């Protein structure tokens, strides 16, 4: 009985880890078959509406051949956008490889309360190279201070 419970627990733990990893990164590879890991971070991840969230994208290594990519954003609030010809400042080396990780930054404004899940797909020439997502918590809208303040005499 204990052995069966342990096997079930280990199976659930393994399936949960693989689902979490799949949600965070998808390695499709580039033309040379080398994997491209995409890391997506948001700041802030928890805030009251309205808020502008900054997203930082980092790829584990520079891509060869094509210096510009397409970034497809699903903002989690019913809107999406495509950033074509996304080029960073990473200069390729003479061998055609970049000098290291590639970095991109984007911002998006959230006007309403909710729990959006932001998803990013990185593509080149119509081919998906990687995917990442990050959950956000947008709280109740901020209410500005109204009224007056009178200091006692």
C-alpha atoms as a PDB file:
ATOM      1  CA  UNK A   1       0.000   0.000   0.000  1.00  0.00           C
ATOM      2  CA  UNK A   2       2.785   2.426   0.928  1.00  0.00           C
ATOM      3  CA  UNK A   3       4.692   1.492  -2.217  1.00  0.00           C
ATOM      4  CA  UNK A   4       1.640   2.228  -4.418  1.00  0.00           C
ATOM      5  CA  UNK A   5       1.121   5.608  -2.729  1.00  0.00           C
ATOM      6  CA  UNK A   6       4.788   6.469  -3.252  1.00  0.00           C
ATOM      7  CA  UNK A   7       4.612   5.519  -6.945  1.00  0.00           C
ATOM      8  CA  UNK A   8       1.488   7.664  -7.427  1.00  0.00           C
ATOM      9  CA  UNK A   9       3.116  10.607  -5.611  1.00  0.00           C
ATOM     10  CA  UNK A  10       6.284  10.339  -7.697  1.00  0.00           C
ATOM     11  CA  UNK A  11       4.253  10.090 -10.914  1.00  0.00           C
ATOM     12  CA  UNK A  12       2.251  13.201 -10.013  1.00  0.00           C
ATOM     13  CA  UNK A  13       5.398  15.109  -9.079  1.00  0.00           C
ATOM     14  CA  UNK A  14       7.096  14.143 -12.349  1.00  0.00           C
ATOM     15  CA  UNK A  15       4.081  15.104 -14.471  1.00  0.00           C
ATOM     16  CA  UNK A  16       3.713  18.417 -12.606  1.00  0.00           C
ATOM     17  CA  UNK A  17       7.367  19.298 -13.160  1.00  0.00           C
ATOM     18  CA  UNK A  18       7.229  18.510 -16.848  1.00  0.00           C
ATOM     19  CA  UNK A  19       4.040  20.571 -17.301  1.00  0.00           C
ATOM     20  CA  UNK A  20       5.628  23.526 -15.507  1.00  0.00           C
ATOM     21  CA  UNK A  21       8.788  23.271 -17.587  1.00  0.00           C
ATOM     22  CA  UNK A  22       6.758  23.017 -20.795  1.00  0.00           C
ATOM     23  CA  UNK A  23       4.825  26.156 -19.817  1.00  0.00           C
ATOM     24  CA  UNK A  24       8.011  28.106 -19.150  1.00  0.00           C
ATOM     25  CA  UNK A  25      10.216  27.048 -22.057  1.00  0.00           C
ATOM     26  CA  UNK A  26       9.870  25.256 -25.346  1.00  0.00           C
ATOM     27  CA  UNK A  27      13.020  24.309 -27.183  1.00  0.00           C
ATOM     28  CA  UNK A  28      12.267  24.022 -30.898  1.00  0.00           C
ATOM     29  CA  UNK A  29      15.807  24.745 -32.014  1.00  0.00           C
ATOM     30  CA  UNK A  30      17.254  26.921 -34.734  1.00  0.00           C
ATOM     31  CA  UNK A  31      18.366  25.975 -38.244  1.00  0.00           C
ATOM     32  CA  UNK A  32      21.414  24.204 -36.850  1.00  0.00           C
ATOM     33  CA  UNK A  33      19.189  22.171 -34.517  1.00  0.00           C
ATOM     34  CA  UNK A  34      20.544  23.882 -31.409  1.00  0.00           C
ATOM     35  CA  UNK A  35      17.902  24.557 -28.738  1.00  0.00           C
ATOM     36  CA  UNK A  36      16.747  28.093 -28.015  1.00  0.00           C
ATOM     37  CA  UNK A  37      15.630  28.607 -24.403  1.00  0.00           C
ATOM     38  CA  UNK A  38      13.427  31.660 -23.856  1.00  0.00           C
ATOM     39  CA  UNK A  39      13.136  33.256 -20.406  1.00  0.00           C
ATOM     40  CA  UNK A  40      10.331  35.802 -19.855  1.00  0.00           C
ATOM     41  CA  UNK A  41      10.215  37.986 -16.746  1.00  0.00           C
ATOM     42  CA  UNK A  42       7.713  40.654 -15.727  1.00  0.00           C
ATOM     43  CA  UNK A  43       8.103  43.608 -13.368  1.00  0.00           C
ATOM     44  CA  UNK A  44       5.912  44.078 -11.446  1.00  0.00           C
ATOM     45  CA  UNK A  45       4.101  40.740 -11.434  1.00  0.00           C
ATOM     46  CA  UNK A  46       1.601  41.897  -8.808  1.00  0.00           C
ATOM     47  CA  UNK A  47       0.170  45.424  -8.914  1.00  0.00           C
ATOM     48  CA  UNK A  48      -3.032  47.464  -8.801  1.00  0.00           C
ATOM     49  CA  UNK A  49      -4.609  48.709 -12.023  1.00  0.00           C
ATOM     50  CA  UNK A  50      -3.792  50.780 -13.955  1.00  0.00           C
ATOM     51  CA  UNK A  51      -0.191  49.615 -14.251  1.00  0.00           C
ATOM     52  CA  UNK A  52       2.451  49.409 -16.943  1.00  0.00           C
ATOM     53  CA  UNK A  53       4.348  46.134 -16.750  1.00  0.00           C
ATOM     54  CA  UNK A  54       7.837  45.784 -18.207  1.00  0.00           C
ATOM     55  CA  UNK A  55       8.720  42.429 -19.761  1.00  0.00           C
ATOM     56  CA  UNK A  56      12.310  41.284 -20.183  1.00  0.00           C
ATOM     57  CA  UNK A  57      13.078  38.499 -22.642  1.00  0.00           C
ATOM     58  CA  UNK A  58      16.369  36.621 -22.618  1.00  0.00           C
ATOM     59  CA  UNK A  59      17.394  33.815 -24.915  1.00  0.00           C
ATOM     60  CA  UNK A  60      20.035  31.405 -23.708  1.00  0.00           C
ATOM     61  CA  UNK A  61      22.244  31.909 -26.726  1.00  0.00           C
ATOM     62  CA  UNK A  62      22.383  34.105 -29.778  1.00  0.00           C
ATOM     63  CA  UNK A  63      20.858  32.784 -32.971  1.00  0.00           C
ATOM     64  CA  UNK A  64      23.001  32.232 -36.011  1.00  0.00           C
ATOM     65  CA  UNK A  65      22.255  33.485 -39.536  1.00  0.00           C
ATOM     66  CA  UNK A  66      19.365  35.928 -38.954  1.00  0.00           C
ATOM     67  CA  UNK A  67      19.947  38.764 -36.470  1.00  0.00           C
ATOM     68  CA  UNK A  68      16.263  39.778 -36.327  1.00  0.00           C
ATOM     69  CA  UNK A  69      13.312  37.806 -34.957  1.00  0.00           C
ATOM     70  CA  UNK A  70       9.536  38.080 -34.672  1.00  0.00           C
ATOM     71  CA  UNK A  71       8.104  38.370 -31.163  1.00  0.00           C
ATOM     72  CA  UNK A  72       4.424  37.426 -30.924  1.00  0.00           C
ATOM     73  CA  UNK A  73       2.789  38.629 -27.695  1.00  0.00           C
ATOM     74  CA  UNK A  74      -0.511  37.474 -26.138  1.00  0.00           C
ATOM     75  CA  UNK A  75      -0.982  39.992 -23.328  1.00  0.00           C
ATOM     76  CA  UNK A  76      -3.594  37.967 -21.412  1.00  0.00           C
ATOM     77  CA  UNK A  77      -6.153  40.768 -21.436  1.00  0.00           C
ATOM     78  CA  UNK A  78      -7.674  39.910 -24.803  1.00  0.00           C
ATOM     79  CA  UNK A  79      -5.095  41.859 -26.797  1.00  0.00           C
ATOM     80  CA  UNK A  80      -2.056  40.748 -28.743  1.00  0.00           C
ATOM     81  CA  UNK A  81       0.725  42.287 -30.791  1.00  0.00           C
ATOM     82  CA  UNK A  82       3.510  41.261 -33.125  1.00  0.00           C
ATOM     83  CA  UNK A  83       6.952  42.843 -33.072  1.00  0.00           C
ATOM     84  CA  UNK A  84       8.547  42.041 -36.409  1.00  0.00           C
ATOM     85  CA  UNK A  85      12.216  42.626 -37.160  1.00  0.00           C
ATOM     86  CA  UNK A  86      13.039  42.608 -33.447  1.00  0.00           C
ATOM     87  CA  UNK A  87      16.775  43.185 -33.388  1.00  0.00           C
ATOM     88  CA  UNK A  88      18.901  43.603 -30.311  1.00  0.00           C
ATOM     89  CA  UNK A  89      22.320  45.196 -30.130  1.00  0.00           C
ATOM     90  CA  UNK A  90      24.214  41.922 -29.815  1.00  0.00           C
ATOM     91  CA  UNK A  91      26.758  41.997 -32.638  1.00  0.00           C
ATOM     92  CA  UNK A  92      27.488  38.700 -34.361  1.00  0.00           C
ATOM     93  CA  UNK A  93      31.013  37.403 -34.191  1.00  0.00           C
ATOM     94  CA  UNK A  94      32.980  36.668 -37.396  1.00  0.00           C
ATOM     95  CA  UNK A  95      31.916  33.011 -37.142  1.00  0.00           C
ATOM     96  CA  UNK A  96      28.248  34.081 -37.417  1.00  0.00           C
ATOM     97  CA  UNK A  97      27.414  33.445 -33.765  1.00  0.00           C
ATOM     98  CA  UNK A  98      26.356  36.181 -31.360  1.00  0.00           C
ATOM     99  CA  UNK A  99      28.411  37.144 -28.340  1.00  0.00           C
ATOM    100  CA  UNK A 100      25.996  35.585 -25.836  1.00  0.00           C
ATOM    101  CA  UNK A 101      22.425  35.834 -24.659  1.00  0.00           C
ATOM    102  CA  UNK A 102      19.961  38.007 -26.571  1.00  0.00           C
ATOM    103  CA  UNK A 103      17.814  40.524 -24.701  1.00  0.00           C
ATOM    104  CA  UNK A 104      14.565  42.291 -25.591  1.00  0.00           C
ATOM    105  CA  UNK A 105      12.242  44.525 -23.563  1.00  0.00           C
ATOM    106  CA  UNK A 106       8.561  45.336 -24.015  1.00  0.00           C
ATOM    107  CA  UNK A 107       5.880  47.088 -21.953  1.00  0.00           C
ATOM    108  CA  UNK A 108       2.115  46.702 -21.749  1.00  0.00           C
ATOM    109  CA  UNK A 109      -0.493  48.655 -19.783  1.00  0.00           C
ATOM    110  CA  UNK A 110      -3.174  46.836 -17.809  1.00  0.00           C
ATOM    111  CA  UNK A 111      -6.238  48.936 -17.039  1.00  0.00           C
ATOM    112  CA  UNK A 112      -8.477  46.379 -15.319  1.00  0.00           C
ATOM    113  CA  UNK A 113      -8.284  43.895 -12.493  1.00  0.00           C
ATOM    114  CA  UNK A 114      -7.534  40.318 -13.488  1.00  0.00           C
ATOM    115  CA  UNK A 115      -5.035  37.468 -13.641  1.00  0.00           C
ATOM    116  CA  UNK A 116      -3.594  37.656 -17.144  1.00  0.00           C
ATOM    117  CA  UNK A 117      -1.110  35.074 -18.382  1.00  0.00           C
ATOM    118  CA  UNK A 118       1.288  36.712 -20.818  1.00  0.00           C
ATOM    119  CA  UNK A 119       2.605  34.420 -23.542  1.00  0.00           C
ATOM    120  CA  UNK A 120       5.498  35.093 -25.899  1.00  0.00           C
ATOM    121  CA  UNK A 121       6.330  33.156 -29.036  1.00  0.00           C
ATOM    122  CA  UNK A 122       9.717  33.778 -30.679  1.00  0.00           C
ATOM    123  CA  UNK A 123       9.802  33.028 -34.398  1.00  0.00           C
ATOM    124  CA  UNK A 124      12.006  33.476 -37.433  1.00  0.00           C
ATOM    125  CA  UNK A 125      10.760  33.222 -40.997  1.00  0.00           C
ATOM    126  CA  UNK A 126       7.398  31.846 -39.820  1.00  0.00           C
ATOM    127  CA  UNK A 127       9.007  29.069 -37.747  1.00  0.00           C
ATOM    128  CA  UNK A 128       8.569  28.942 -33.964  1.00  0.00           C
ATOM    129  CA  UNK A 129      11.911  28.884 -32.144  1.00  0.00           C
ATOM    130  CA  UNK A 130      10.714  29.140 -28.555  1.00  0.00           C
ATOM    131  CA  UNK A 131       7.886  30.011 -26.228  1.00  0.00           C
ATOM    132  CA  UNK A 132       7.545  31.348 -22.676  1.00  0.00           C
ATOM    133  CA  UNK A 133       4.786  32.657 -20.440  1.00  0.00           C
ATOM    134  CA  UNK A 134       4.412  34.441 -17.114  1.00  0.00           C
ATOM    135  CA  UNK A 135       1.331  34.930 -14.890  1.00  0.00           C
ATOM    136  CA  UNK A 136       0.389  38.336 -13.484  1.00  0.00           C
ATOM    137  CA  UNK A 137      -1.984  39.508 -10.758  1.00  0.00           C
ATOM    138  CA  UNK A 138      -3.607  42.872 -11.426  1.00  0.00           C
ATOM    139  CA  UNK A 139      -5.538  44.079  -8.395  1.00  0.00           C
ATOM    140  CA  UNK A 140      -8.418  46.485  -7.973  1.00  0.00           C
ATOM    141  CA  UNK A 141      -7.951  49.877  -9.620  1.00  0.00           C
ATOM    142  CA  UNK A 142      -6.149  52.499  -7.587  1.00  0.00           C
ATOM    143  CA  UNK A 143      -8.390  55.313  -6.453  1.00  0.00           C
ATOM    144  CA  UNK A 144      -6.724  58.714  -6.341  1.00  0.00           C
ATOM    145  CA  UNK A 145      -6.972  60.720  -3.138  1.00  0.00           C
ATOM    146  CA  UNK A 146      -9.829  63.188  -3.300  1.00  0.00           C
ATOM    147  CA  UNK A 147     -10.958  65.751  -0.808  1.00  0.00           C
ATOM    148  CA  UNK A 148      -9.029  68.204   1.251  1.00  0.00           C
ATOM    149  CA  UNK A 149      -6.658  68.047   4.127  1.00  0.00           C
ATOM    150  CA  UNK A 150      -6.650  70.747   6.751  1.00  0.00           C
ATOM    151  CA  UNK A 151      -3.926  70.882   9.315  1.00  0.00           C
ATOM    152  CA  UNK A 152      -5.045  71.816  12.836  1.00  0.00           C
ATOM    153  CA  UNK A 153      -4.139  75.247  14.230  1.00  0.00           C
END
